[in-house]
């Protein structure tokens, strides 16, 4: 699967550009595939790139950006960096409460 995610990401970068939301979605998918293989540091690096790009393109409060904060927290947590992961989880939770409301499922 990783091979196809990489191909898709490169194709989207070429056709749509690096900052297109679909390209960022492909980067996120690749990061998740890498994480599922236990390559947590590489997944963290991809998630950080994706998050920074989403903040710029979509804004810091966009639901997709918030998903990326959560995904980064997971990658960091998998490496045993629990304090840093908790910081990201809390940041994501508070932003989601603000953006989506406390009662959002």
C-alpha atoms as a PDB file:
ATOM      1  CA  UNK A   1       0.000   0.000   0.000  1.00  0.00           C
ATOM      2  CA  UNK A   2       2.832   2.397   0.821  1.00  0.00           C
ATOM      3  CA  UNK A   3       4.116   2.243  -2.746  1.00  0.00           C
ATOM      4  CA  UNK A   4       0.731   3.297  -4.118  1.00  0.00           C
ATOM      5  CA  UNK A   5       0.325   6.064  -1.541  1.00  0.00           C
ATOM      6  CA  UNK A   6       3.738   7.424  -2.558  1.00  0.00           C
ATOM      7  CA  UNK A   7       2.810   7.263  -6.254  1.00  0.00           C
ATOM      8  CA  UNK A   8      -0.484   9.014  -5.587  1.00  0.00           C
ATOM      9  CA  UNK A   9       1.216  11.711  -3.523  1.00  0.00           C
ATOM     10  CA  UNK A  10       3.792  12.408  -6.215  1.00  0.00           C
ATOM     11  CA  UNK A  11       1.134  12.490  -8.937  1.00  0.00           C
ATOM     12  CA  UNK A  12      -1.010  14.893  -6.956  1.00  0.00           C
ATOM     13  CA  UNK A  13       1.978  17.141  -6.266  1.00  0.00           C
ATOM     14  CA  UNK A  14       2.654  17.263 -10.005  1.00  0.00           C
ATOM     15  CA  UNK A  15      -0.926  17.747 -11.155  1.00  0.00           C
ATOM     16  CA  UNK A  16      -2.496  19.710  -8.313  1.00  0.00           C
ATOM     17  CA  UNK A  17       0.481  21.260  -6.548  1.00  0.00           C
ATOM     18  CA  UNK A  18       2.000  20.683  -3.125  1.00  0.00           C
ATOM     19  CA  UNK A  19      -0.507  22.856  -1.299  1.00  0.00           C
ATOM     20  CA  UNK A  20      -3.718  21.400  -2.729  1.00  0.00           C
ATOM     21  CA  UNK A  21      -6.011  19.822  -0.103  1.00  0.00           C
ATOM     22  CA  UNK A  22      -6.106  16.523  -2.048  1.00  0.00           C
ATOM     23  CA  UNK A  23      -2.307  16.429  -2.077  1.00  0.00           C
ATOM     24  CA  UNK A  24      -2.288  16.977   1.676  1.00  0.00           C
ATOM     25  CA  UNK A  25      -4.804  14.181   2.076  1.00  0.00           C
ATOM     26  CA  UNK A  26      -2.443  11.877   0.189  1.00  0.00           C
ATOM     27  CA  UNK A  27       0.426  12.915   2.454  1.00  0.00           C
ATOM     28  CA  UNK A  28      -1.713  12.083   5.471  1.00  0.00           C
ATOM     29  CA  UNK A  29      -2.602   8.679   4.013  1.00  0.00           C
ATOM     30  CA  UNK A  30       1.064   7.912   3.386  1.00  0.00           C
ATOM     31  CA  UNK A  31       1.948   8.916   6.946  1.00  0.00           C
ATOM     32  CA  UNK A  32      -0.704   6.553   8.314  1.00  0.00           C
ATOM     33  CA  UNK A  33       0.554   3.701   6.118  1.00  0.00           C
ATOM     34  CA  UNK A  34       4.117   4.292   7.332  1.00  0.00           C
ATOM     35  CA  UNK A  35       2.925   4.431  10.947  1.00  0.00           C
ATOM     36  CA  UNK A  36       1.061   1.132  10.595  1.00  0.00           C
ATOM     37  CA  UNK A  37       4.392  -0.423   9.600  1.00  0.00           C
ATOM     38  CA  UNK A  38       5.922   0.733  12.882  1.00  0.00           C
ATOM     39  CA  UNK A  39       8.030   3.495  11.322  1.00  0.00           C
ATOM     40  CA  UNK A  40       6.845   6.067  13.824  1.00  0.00           C
ATOM     41  CA  UNK A  41       9.618   8.662  13.414  1.00  0.00           C
ATOM     42  CA  UNK A  42       9.053   8.808   9.657  1.00  0.00           C
ATOM     43  CA  UNK A  43       5.300   9.001  10.230  1.00  0.00           C
ATOM     44  CA  UNK A  44       5.847  11.851  12.681  1.00  0.00           C
ATOM     45  CA  UNK A  45       7.904  13.778  10.134  1.00  0.00           C
ATOM     46  CA  UNK A  46       5.242  13.322   7.459  1.00  0.00           C
ATOM     47  CA  UNK A  47       2.468  14.306   9.876  1.00  0.00           C
ATOM     48  CA  UNK A  48       4.368  17.442  10.898  1.00  0.00           C
ATOM     49  CA  UNK A  49       4.790  18.452   7.236  1.00  0.00           C
ATOM     50  CA  UNK A  50       1.140  17.763   6.567  1.00  0.00           C
ATOM     51  CA  UNK A  51      -0.006  19.707   9.628  1.00  0.00           C
ATOM     52  CA  UNK A  52       2.057  22.781   8.790  1.00  0.00           C
ATOM     53  CA  UNK A  53       0.804  22.752   5.206  1.00  0.00           C
ATOM     54  CA  UNK A  54      -2.820  22.355   6.317  1.00  0.00           C
ATOM     55  CA  UNK A  55      -2.473  25.259   8.751  1.00  0.00           C
ATOM     56  CA  UNK A  56      -1.280  27.430   5.865  1.00  0.00           C
ATOM     57  CA  UNK A  57      -3.758  26.202   3.251  1.00  0.00           C
ATOM     58  CA  UNK A  58      -6.883  25.443   5.288  1.00  0.00           C
ATOM     59  CA  UNK A  59      -6.326  27.417   8.479  1.00  0.00           C
ATOM     60  CA  UNK A  60      -5.526  26.293  11.997  1.00  0.00           C
ATOM     61  CA  UNK A  61      -9.165  25.620  12.933  1.00  0.00           C
ATOM     62  CA  UNK A  62     -10.230  23.618   9.877  1.00  0.00           C
ATOM     63  CA  UNK A  63     -11.502  20.129  10.831  1.00  0.00           C
ATOM     64  CA  UNK A  64      -8.921  18.497   8.550  1.00  0.00           C
ATOM     65  CA  UNK A  65      -6.147  20.462  10.263  1.00  0.00           C
ATOM     66  CA  UNK A  66      -7.458  19.302  13.629  1.00  0.00           C
ATOM     67  CA  UNK A  67      -7.419  15.701  12.369  1.00  0.00           C
ATOM     68  CA  UNK A  68      -3.753  16.183  11.505  1.00  0.00           C
ATOM     69  CA  UNK A  69      -2.990  17.405  15.026  1.00  0.00           C
ATOM     70  CA  UNK A  70      -4.596  14.231  16.346  1.00  0.00           C
ATOM     71  CA  UNK A  71      -2.661  12.067  13.867  1.00  0.00           C
ATOM     72  CA  UNK A  72       0.598  13.745  14.872  1.00  0.00           C
ATOM     73  CA  UNK A  73      -0.211  13.104  18.519  1.00  0.00           C
ATOM     74  CA  UNK A  74      -0.673   9.427  17.761  1.00  0.00           C
ATOM     75  CA  UNK A  75       2.655   9.179  15.913  1.00  0.00           C
ATOM     76  CA  UNK A  76       4.418  10.933  18.788  1.00  0.00           C
ATOM     77  CA  UNK A  77       2.687   8.738  21.365  1.00  0.00           C
ATOM     78  CA  UNK A  78       3.805   5.581  19.548  1.00  0.00           C
ATOM     79  CA  UNK A  79       7.397   6.680  20.182  1.00  0.00           C
ATOM     80  CA  UNK A  80       6.821   6.996  23.920  1.00  0.00           C
ATOM     81  CA  UNK A  81       6.806  10.802  23.892  1.00  0.00           C
ATOM     82  CA  UNK A  82       3.755  10.938  26.116  1.00  0.00           C
ATOM     83  CA  UNK A  83       4.014  14.537  27.354  1.00  0.00           C
ATOM     84  CA  UNK A  84       4.338  15.864  23.816  1.00  0.00           C
ATOM     85  CA  UNK A  85       1.502  13.639  22.628  1.00  0.00           C
ATOM     86  CA  UNK A  86      -0.702  14.834  25.473  1.00  0.00           C
ATOM     87  CA  UNK A  87      -0.003  18.444  24.466  1.00  0.00           C
ATOM     88  CA  UNK A  88      -1.192  17.738  20.926  1.00  0.00           C
ATOM     89  CA  UNK A  89      -4.232  15.752  22.089  1.00  0.00           C
ATOM     90  CA  UNK A  90      -5.274  18.593  24.413  1.00  0.00           C
ATOM     91  CA  UNK A  91      -4.699  21.191  21.697  1.00  0.00           C
ATOM     92  CA  UNK A  92      -6.858  19.172  19.311  1.00  0.00           C
ATOM     93  CA  UNK A  93      -9.605  18.614  21.885  1.00  0.00           C
ATOM     94  CA  UNK A  94      -9.841  22.276  22.842  1.00  0.00           C
ATOM     95  CA  UNK A  95      -9.880  23.405  19.224  1.00  0.00           C
ATOM     96  CA  UNK A  96     -12.565  20.863  18.347  1.00  0.00           C
ATOM     97  CA  UNK A  97     -14.708  22.062  21.252  1.00  0.00           C
ATOM     98  CA  UNK A  98     -14.378  25.612  19.977  1.00  0.00           C
ATOM     99  CA  UNK A  99     -14.867  24.842  16.291  1.00  0.00           C
ATOM    100  CA  UNK A 100     -17.396  22.004  16.436  1.00  0.00           C
ATOM    101  CA  UNK A 101     -19.001  22.536  19.834  1.00  0.00           C
ATOM    102  CA  UNK A 102     -18.938  20.423  22.972  1.00  0.00           C
ATOM    103  CA  UNK A 103     -21.899  18.292  21.885  1.00  0.00           C
ATOM    104  CA  UNK A 104     -20.438  17.300  18.497  1.00  0.00           C
ATOM    105  CA  UNK A 105     -20.226  13.517  18.145  1.00  0.00           C
END
